[in-house]
Amino acid sequence: MVTYYWYRFSDQPAMLNADLNAEEREQVQFRVKKLHRTGAKDRIYLTPPDAGTIAQIDPALILTPPCGMEAGYVPIATRLE
């Protein structure tokens, strides 16, 4: 079982330890929120690799954000049992 919490992107622990000031974190938050609102799931953002294979994602790992947290929030795993 995995326990996770939804954080604003700029308030997640990694961002709080990224040596950014509050204004810089808010700029990042603005960009992430815009990306979440305008990004399409079926759009190709990176060209496929020239060698190797692309990793597959287990569909069970895809989460649906709670109401009101669809843009600008990310799930952060805090416990694994």
PDB file of N, CA and C in Angstrom:
ATOM      1  N   MET A   1       0.845  -1.168   0.000  1.00  0.00           N
ATOM      2  CA  MET A   1       0.000   0.000   0.000  1.00  0.00           C
ATOM      3  C   MET A   1       0.897   1.239   0.000  1.00  0.00           C
ATOM      4  N   VAL A   2       0.526   2.195  -0.831  1.00  0.00           N
ATOM      5  CA  VAL A   2       1.264   3.452  -0.918  1.00  0.00           C
ATOM      6  C   VAL A   2       0.372   4.565  -0.380  1.00  0.00           C
ATOM      7  N   THR A   3       0.921   5.350   0.530  1.00  0.00           N
ATOM      8  CA  THR A   3       0.222   6.518   1.048  1.00  0.00           C
ATOM      9  C   THR A   3       0.834   7.743   0.380  1.00  0.00           C
ATOM     10  N   TYR A   4      -0.019   8.608  -0.121  1.00  0.00           N
ATOM     11  CA  TYR A   4       0.493   9.818  -0.758  1.00  0.00           C
ATOM     12  C   TYR A   4      -0.404  10.991  -0.408  1.00  0.00           C
ATOM     13  N   TYR A   5       0.152  12.189  -0.570  1.00  0.00           N
ATOM     14  CA  TYR A   5      -0.569  13.435  -0.340  1.00  0.00           C
ATOM     15  C   TYR A   5      -0.402  14.300  -1.575  1.00  0.00           C
ATOM     16  N   TRP A   6      -1.376  15.140  -1.842  1.00  0.00           N
ATOM     17  CA  TRP A   6      -1.310  16.075  -2.962  1.00  0.00           C
ATOM     18  C   TRP A   6      -0.705  17.385  -2.468  1.00  0.00           C
ATOM     19  N   TYR A   7       0.345  17.825  -3.151  1.00  0.00           N
ATOM     20  CA  TYR A   7       1.028  19.075  -2.835  1.00  0.00           C
ATOM     21  C   TYR A   7       0.916  20.021  -4.016  1.00  0.00           C
ATOM     22  N   ARG A   8       0.854  21.322  -3.715  1.00  0.00           N
ATOM     23  CA  ARG A   8       1.082  22.270  -4.802  1.00  0.00           C
ATOM     24  C   ARG A   8       2.492  21.967  -5.304  1.00  0.00           C
ATOM     25  N   PHE A   9       2.695  22.023  -6.599  1.00  0.00           N
ATOM     26  CA  PHE A   9       3.994  21.652  -7.160  1.00  0.00           C
ATOM     27  C   PHE A   9       5.132  22.391  -6.467  1.00  0.00           C
ATOM     28  N   SER A  10       4.968  23.684  -6.273  1.00  0.00           N
ATOM     29  CA  SER A  10       6.063  24.479  -5.691  1.00  0.00           C
ATOM     30  C   SER A  10       6.221  24.291  -4.187  1.00  0.00           C
ATOM     31  N   ASP A  11       5.277  23.607  -3.544  1.00  0.00           N
ATOM     32  CA  ASP A  11       5.369  23.359  -2.102  1.00  0.00           C
ATOM     33  C   ASP A  11       5.790  21.939  -1.755  1.00  0.00           C
ATOM     34  N   GLN A  12       6.063  21.119  -2.765  1.00  0.00           N
ATOM     35  CA  GLN A  12       6.506  19.757  -2.468  1.00  0.00           C
ATOM     36  C   GLN A  12       7.903  19.813  -1.852  1.00  0.00           C
ATOM     37  N   PRO A  13       8.259  18.829  -1.054  1.00  0.00           N
ATOM     38  CA  PRO A  13       9.548  18.863  -0.346  1.00  0.00           C
ATOM     39  C   PRO A  13      10.766  19.124  -1.242  1.00  0.00           C
ATOM     40  N   ALA A  14      10.811  18.519  -2.414  1.00  0.00           N
ATOM     41  CA  ALA A  14      11.972  18.719  -3.295  1.00  0.00           C
ATOM     42  C   ALA A  14      12.102  20.177  -3.728  1.00  0.00           C
ATOM     43  N   MET A  15      10.983  20.840  -3.976  1.00  0.00           N
ATOM     44  CA  MET A  15      11.036  22.243  -4.388  1.00  0.00           C
ATOM     45  C   MET A  15      11.400  23.155  -3.213  1.00  0.00           C
ATOM     46  N   LEU A  16      10.959  22.796  -2.017  1.00  0.00           N
ATOM     47  CA  LEU A  16      11.301  23.600  -0.849  1.00  0.00           C
ATOM     48  C   LEU A  16      12.793  23.520  -0.537  1.00  0.00           C
ATOM     49  N   ASN A  17      13.445  22.461  -0.995  1.00  0.00           N
ATOM     50  CA  ASN A  17      14.887  22.281  -0.772  1.00  0.00           C
ATOM     51  C   ASN A  17      15.703  22.595  -2.019  1.00  0.00           C
ATOM     52  N   ALA A  18      15.117  23.267  -2.998  1.00  0.00           N
ATOM     53  CA  ALA A  18      15.787  23.511  -4.281  1.00  0.00           C
ATOM     54  C   ALA A  18      16.526  24.842  -4.342  1.00  0.00           C
ATOM     55  N   ASP A  19      16.713  25.496  -3.221  1.00  0.00           N
ATOM     56  CA  ASP A  19      17.438  26.771  -3.166  1.00  0.00           C
ATOM     57  C   ASP A  19      16.796  27.841  -4.054  1.00  0.00           C
ATOM     58  N   LEU A  20      15.457  27.880  -4.047  1.00  0.00           N
ATOM     59  CA  LEU A  20      14.715  28.910  -4.762  1.00  0.00           C
ATOM     60  C   LEU A  20      14.023  29.799  -3.735  1.00  0.00           C
ATOM     61  N   ASN A  21      13.909  31.078  -4.046  1.00  0.00           N
ATOM     62  CA  ASN A  21      13.156  31.938  -3.128  1.00  0.00           C
ATOM     63  C   ASN A  21      11.670  31.807  -3.445  1.00  0.00           C
ATOM     64  N   ALA A  22      10.831  32.422  -2.624  1.00  0.00           N
ATOM     65  CA  ALA A  22       9.378  32.286  -2.772  1.00  0.00           C
ATOM     66  C   ALA A  22       8.902  32.779  -4.131  1.00  0.00           C
ATOM     67  N   GLU A  23       9.457  33.864  -4.627  1.00  0.00           N
ATOM     68  CA  GLU A  23       9.044  34.394  -5.934  1.00  0.00           C
ATOM     69  C   GLU A  23       9.405  33.416  -7.058  1.00  0.00           C
ATOM     70  N   GLU A  24      10.590  32.837  -7.002  1.00  0.00           N
ATOM     71  CA  GLU A  24      10.995  31.866  -8.024  1.00  0.00           C
ATOM     72  C   GLU A  24      10.096  30.630  -7.990  1.00  0.00           C
ATOM     73  N   ARG A  25       9.763  30.168  -6.787  1.00  0.00           N
ATOM     74  CA  ARG A  25       8.869  29.009  -6.684  1.00  0.00           C
ATOM     75  C   ARG A  25       7.493  29.324  -7.247  1.00  0.00           C
ATOM     76  N   GLU A  26       6.996  30.539  -7.031  1.00  0.00           N
ATOM     77  CA  GLU A  26       5.692  30.925  -7.572  1.00  0.00           C
ATOM     78  C   GLU A  26       5.726  31.006  -9.097  1.00  0.00           C
ATOM     79  N   GLN A  27       6.854  31.409  -9.664  1.00  0.00           N
ATOM     80  CA  GLN A  27       6.987  31.406 -11.126  1.00  0.00           C
ATOM     81  C   GLN A  27       6.898  29.981 -11.663  1.00  0.00           C
ATOM     82  N   VAL A  28       7.557  29.060 -10.977  1.00  0.00           N
ATOM     83  CA  VAL A  28       7.483  27.650 -11.369  1.00  0.00           C
ATOM     84  C   VAL A  28       6.046  27.149 -11.228  1.00  0.00           C
ATOM     85  N   GLN A  29       5.393  27.492 -10.124  1.00  0.00           N
ATOM     86  CA  GLN A  29       4.012  27.073  -9.893  1.00  0.00           C
ATOM     87  C   GLN A  29       3.106  27.559 -11.026  1.00  0.00           C
ATOM     88  N   PHE A  30       3.277  28.803 -11.444  1.00  0.00           N
ATOM     89  CA  PHE A  30       2.481  29.363 -12.530  1.00  0.00           C
ATOM     90  C   PHE A  30       2.672  28.551 -13.812  1.00  0.00           C
ATOM     91  N   ARG A  31       3.910  28.205 -14.123  1.00  0.00           N
ATOM     92  CA  ARG A  31       4.201  27.444 -15.350  1.00  0.00           C
ATOM     93  C   ARG A  31       3.633  26.028 -15.281  1.00  0.00           C
ATOM     94  N   VAL A  32       3.760  25.381 -14.134  1.00  0.00           N
ATOM     95  CA  VAL A  32       3.242  24.017 -13.987  1.00  0.00           C
ATOM     96  C   VAL A  32       1.726  24.022 -14.102  1.00  0.00           C
ATOM     97  N   LYS A  33       1.087  24.996 -13.491  1.00  0.00           N
ATOM     98  CA  LYS A  33      -0.367  25.099 -13.573  1.00  0.00           C
ATOM     99  C   LYS A  33      -0.810  25.294 -15.021  1.00  0.00           C
ATOM    100  N   LYS A  34      -0.112  26.131 -15.748  1.00  0.00           N
ATOM    101  CA  LYS A  34      -0.416  26.357 -17.165  1.00  0.00           C
ATOM    102  C   LYS A  34      -0.215  25.076 -17.972  1.00  0.00           C
ATOM    103  N   LEU A  35       0.871  24.355 -17.702  1.00  0.00           N
ATOM    104  CA  LEU A  35       1.136  23.096 -18.396  1.00  0.00           C
ATOM    105  C   LEU A  35       0.035  22.080 -18.118  1.00  0.00           C
ATOM    106  N   HIS A  36      -0.375  21.964 -16.856  1.00  0.00           N
ATOM    107  CA  HIS A  36      -1.443  21.023 -16.503  1.00  0.00           C
ATOM    108  C   HIS A  36      -2.756  21.369 -17.209  1.00  0.00           C
ATOM    109  N   ARG A  37      -3.029  22.649 -17.381  1.00  0.00           N
ATOM    110  CA  ARG A  37      -4.286  23.070 -18.009  1.00  0.00           C
ATOM    111  C   ARG A  37      -4.266  22.929 -19.531  1.00  0.00           C
ATOM    112  N   THR A  38      -3.104  23.099 -20.137  1.00  0.00           N
ATOM    113  CA  THR A  38      -3.041  23.114 -21.603  1.00  0.00           C
ATOM    114  C   THR A  38      -2.411  21.863 -22.203  1.00  0.00           C
ATOM    115  N   GLY A  39      -1.742  21.062 -21.399  1.00  0.00           N
ATOM    116  CA  GLY A  39      -1.077  19.868 -21.913  1.00  0.00           C
ATOM    117  C   GLY A  39      -2.082  18.787 -22.286  1.00  0.00           C
ATOM    118  N   ALA A  40      -1.823  18.113 -23.376  1.00  0.00           N
ATOM    119  CA  ALA A  40      -2.699  17.029 -23.828  1.00  0.00           C
ATOM    120  C   ALA A  40      -2.035  15.690 -23.553  1.00  0.00           C
ATOM    121  N   LYS A  41      -2.824  14.731 -23.063  1.00  0.00           N
ATOM    122  CA  LYS A  41      -2.272  13.413 -22.735  1.00  0.00           C
ATOM    123  C   LYS A  41      -1.769  12.678 -23.968  1.00  0.00           C
ATOM    124  N   ASP A  42      -2.368  12.916 -25.124  1.00  0.00           N
ATOM    125  CA  ASP A  42      -1.991  12.186 -26.325  1.00  0.00           C
ATOM    126  C   ASP A  42      -0.955  12.916 -27.183  1.00  0.00           C
ATOM    127  N   ARG A  43      -0.478  14.050 -26.730  1.00  0.00           N
ATOM    128  CA  ARG A  43       0.535  14.805 -27.474  1.00  0.00           C
ATOM    129  C   ARG A  43       1.918  14.212 -27.232  1.00  0.00           C
ATOM    130  N   ILE A  44       2.741  14.204 -28.252  1.00  0.00           N
ATOM    131  CA  ILE A  44       4.125  13.733 -28.124  1.00  0.00           C
ATOM    132  C   ILE A  44       4.990  14.947 -27.788  1.00  0.00           C
ATOM    133  N   TYR A  45       5.570  14.959 -26.587  1.00  0.00           N
ATOM    134  CA  TYR A  45       6.366  16.097 -26.120  1.00  0.00           C
ATOM    135  C   TYR A  45       7.855  15.924 -26.410  1.00  0.00           C
ATOM    136  N   LEU A  46       8.322  14.693 -26.463  1.00  0.00           N
ATOM    137  CA  LEU A  46       9.728  14.405 -26.755  1.00  0.00           C
ATOM    138  C   LEU A  46       9.789  13.434 -27.925  1.00  0.00           C
ATOM    139  N   THR A  47      10.793  13.581 -28.753  1.00  0.00           N
ATOM    140  CA  THR A  47      10.948  12.631 -29.853  1.00  0.00           C
ATOM    141  C   THR A  47      11.347  11.273 -29.280  1.00  0.00           C
ATOM    142  N   PRO A  48      10.888  10.197 -29.912  1.00  0.00           N
ATOM    143  CA  PRO A  48      11.250   8.860 -29.433  1.00  0.00           C
ATOM    144  C   PRO A  48      12.772   8.654 -29.474  1.00  0.00           C
ATOM    145  N   PRO A  49      13.296   7.815 -28.585  1.00  0.00           N
ATOM    146  CA  PRO A  49      14.749   7.577 -28.570  1.00  0.00           C
ATOM    147  C   PRO A  49      15.205   6.854 -29.839  1.00  0.00           C
ATOM    148  N   ASP A  50      16.469   7.069 -30.211  1.00  0.00           N
ATOM    149  CA  ASP A  50      17.049   6.390 -31.376  1.00  0.00           C
ATOM    150  C   ASP A  50      17.419   4.952 -31.054  1.00  0.00           C
ATOM    151  N   ALA A  51      17.607   4.648 -29.793  1.00  0.00           N
ATOM    152  CA  ALA A  51      17.994   3.299 -29.380  1.00  0.00           C
ATOM    153  C   ALA A  51      17.231   2.925 -28.120  1.00  0.00           C
ATOM    154  N   GLY A  52      17.103   1.635 -27.880  1.00  0.00           N
ATOM    155  CA  GLY A  52      16.433   1.158 -26.676  1.00  0.00           C
ATOM    156  C   GLY A  52      14.925   1.191 -26.826  1.00  0.00           C
ATOM    157  N   THR A  53      14.253   1.015 -25.715  1.00  0.00           N
ATOM    158  CA  THR A  53      12.796   1.015 -25.723  1.00  0.00           C
ATOM    159  C   THR A  53      12.264   2.004 -24.692  1.00  0.00           C
ATOM    160  N   ILE A  54      11.054   2.429 -24.902  1.00  0.00           N
ATOM    161  CA  ILE A  54      10.410   3.358 -23.979  1.00  0.00           C
ATOM    162  C   ILE A  54       9.802   2.561 -22.835  1.00  0.00           C
ATOM    163  N   ALA A  55       9.974   3.053 -21.635  1.00  0.00           N
ATOM    164  CA  ALA A  55       9.416   2.383 -20.456  1.00  0.00           C
ATOM    165  C   ALA A  55       7.893   2.410 -20.498  1.00  0.00           C
ATOM    166  N   GLN A  56       7.303   1.396 -19.934  1.00  0.00           N
ATOM    167  CA  GLN A  56       5.852   1.324 -19.824  1.00  0.00           C
ATOM    168  C   GLN A  56       5.455   1.736 -18.407  1.00  0.00           C
ATOM    169  N   ILE A  57       4.322   2.404 -18.291  1.00  0.00           N
ATOM    170  CA  ILE A  57       3.820   2.823 -16.978  1.00  0.00           C
ATOM    171  C   ILE A  57       2.639   1.937 -16.614  1.00  0.00           C
ATOM    172  N   ASP A  58       2.690   1.379 -15.419  1.00  0.00           N
ATOM    173  CA  ASP A  58       1.586   0.564 -14.919  1.00  0.00           C
ATOM    174  C   ASP A  58       0.365   1.465 -14.765  1.00  0.00           C
ATOM    175  N   PRO A  59      -0.738   1.162 -15.429  1.00  0.00           N
ATOM    176  CA  PRO A  59      -1.931   2.014 -15.332  1.00  0.00           C
ATOM    177  C   PRO A  59      -2.412   2.217 -13.892  1.00  0.00           C
ATOM    178  N   ALA A  60      -2.109   1.291 -12.991  1.00  0.00           N
ATOM    179  CA  ALA A  60      -2.516   1.447 -11.591  1.00  0.00           C
ATOM    180  C   ALA A  60      -1.803   2.621 -10.926  1.00  0.00           C
ATOM    181  N   LEU A  61      -0.716   3.090 -11.529  1.00  0.00           N
ATOM    182  CA  LEU A  61       0.033   4.207 -10.958  1.00  0.00           C
ATOM    183  C   LEU A  61      -0.485   5.567 -11.411  1.00  0.00           C
ATOM    184  N   ILE A  62      -1.419   5.571 -12.354  1.00  0.00           N
ATOM    185  CA  ILE A  62      -1.993   6.828 -12.838  1.00  0.00           C
ATOM    186  C   ILE A  62      -3.111   7.239 -11.883  1.00  0.00           C
ATOM    187  N   LEU A  63      -2.968   8.405 -11.299  1.00  0.00           N
ATOM    188  CA  LEU A  63      -3.921   8.882 -10.293  1.00  0.00           C
ATOM    189  C   LEU A  63      -4.819   9.970 -10.867  1.00  0.00           C
ATOM    190  N   THR A  64      -6.006  10.046 -10.360  1.00  0.00           N
ATOM    191  CA  THR A  64      -6.929  11.125 -10.694  1.00  0.00           C
ATOM    192  C   THR A  64      -6.899  12.129  -9.553  1.00  0.00           C
ATOM    193  N   PRO A  65      -6.562  13.368  -9.850  1.00  0.00           N
ATOM    194  CA  PRO A  65      -6.485  14.367  -8.783  1.00  0.00           C
ATOM    195  C   PRO A  65      -7.845  14.618  -8.143  1.00  0.00           C
ATOM    196  N   PRO A  66      -7.839  14.957  -6.860  1.00  0.00           N
ATOM    197  CA  PRO A  66      -9.088  15.342  -6.200  1.00  0.00           C
ATOM    198  C   PRO A  66      -9.642  16.623  -6.836  1.00  0.00           C
ATOM    199  N   CYS A  67     -10.912  16.831  -6.689  1.00  0.00           N
ATOM    200  CA  CYS A  67     -11.567  18.026  -7.214  1.00  0.00           C
ATOM    201  C   CYS A  67     -10.855  19.281  -6.698  1.00  0.00           C
ATOM    202  N   GLY A  68     -10.535  20.183  -7.598  1.00  0.00           N
ATOM    203  CA  GLY A  68      -9.848  21.414  -7.231  1.00  0.00           C
ATOM    204  C   GLY A  68      -8.334  21.318  -7.294  1.00  0.00           C
ATOM    205  N   MET A  69      -7.804  20.104  -7.494  1.00  0.00           N
ATOM    206  CA  MET A  69      -6.351  19.920  -7.547  1.00  0.00           C
ATOM    207  C   MET A  69      -5.905  19.381  -8.908  1.00  0.00           C
ATOM    208  N   GLU A  70      -6.693  19.634  -9.933  1.00  0.00           N
ATOM    209  CA  GLU A  70      -6.380  19.119 -11.264  1.00  0.00           C
ATOM    210  C   GLU A  70      -5.199  19.838 -11.907  1.00  0.00           C
ATOM    211  N   ALA A  71      -4.964  21.076 -11.552  1.00  0.00           N
ATOM    212  CA  ALA A  71      -3.875  21.850 -12.154  1.00  0.00           C
ATOM    213  C   ALA A  71      -2.991  22.432 -11.061  1.00  0.00           C
ATOM    214  N   GLY A  72      -1.700  22.163 -11.161  1.00  0.00           N
ATOM    215  CA  GLY A  72      -0.740  22.743 -10.232  1.00  0.00           C
ATOM    216  C   GLY A  72      -0.412  21.890  -9.026  1.00  0.00           C
ATOM    217  N   TYR A  73      -1.010  20.701  -8.928  1.00  0.00           N
ATOM    218  CA  TYR A  73      -0.775  19.806  -7.793  1.00  0.00           C
ATOM    219  C   TYR A  73      -0.173  18.482  -8.273  1.00  0.00           C
ATOM    220  N   VAL A  74       0.619  17.871  -7.412  1.00  0.00           N
ATOM    221  CA  VAL A  74       1.229  16.576  -7.726  1.00  0.00           C
ATOM    222  C   VAL A  74       1.122  15.650  -6.512  1.00  0.00           C
ATOM    223  N   PRO A  75       0.974  14.348  -6.771  1.00  0.00           N
ATOM    224  CA  PRO A  75       0.954  13.404  -5.637  1.00  0.00           C
ATOM    225  C   PRO A  75       2.380  13.088  -5.210  1.00  0.00           C
ATOM    226  N   ILE A  76       2.608  13.086  -3.910  1.00  0.00           N
ATOM    227  CA  ILE A  76       3.921  12.744  -3.357  1.00  0.00           C
ATOM    228  C   ILE A  76       3.731  11.558  -2.417  1.00  0.00           C
ATOM    229  N   ALA A  77       4.396  10.445  -2.723  1.00  0.00           N
ATOM    230  CA  ALA A  77       4.334   9.266  -1.871  1.00  0.00           C
ATOM    231  C   ALA A  77       5.070   9.538  -0.566  1.00  0.00           C
ATOM    232  N   THR A  78       4.424   9.223   0.547  1.00  0.00           N
ATOM    233  CA  THR A  78       5.030   9.483   1.853  1.00  0.00           C
ATOM    234  C   THR A  78       5.234   8.205   2.672  1.00  0.00           C
ATOM    235  N   ARG A  79       4.653   7.105   2.214  1.00  0.00           N
ATOM    236  CA  ARG A  79       4.773   5.857   2.966  1.00  0.00           C
ATOM    237  C   ARG A  79       4.523   4.668   2.039  1.00  0.00           C
ATOM    238  N   LEU A  80       5.241   3.601   2.256  1.00  0.00           N
ATOM    239  CA  LEU A  80       5.081   2.382   1.485  1.00  0.00           C
ATOM    240  C   LEU A  80       5.047   1.210   2.452  1.00  0.00           C
ATOM    241  N   GLU A  81       3.981   0.388   2.362  1.00  0.00           N
ATOM    242  CA  GLU A  81       3.853  -0.775   3.239  1.00  0.00           C
ATOM    243  C   GLU A  81       3.822  -2.029   2.388  1.00  0.00           C
TER     244      GLU A  81
END
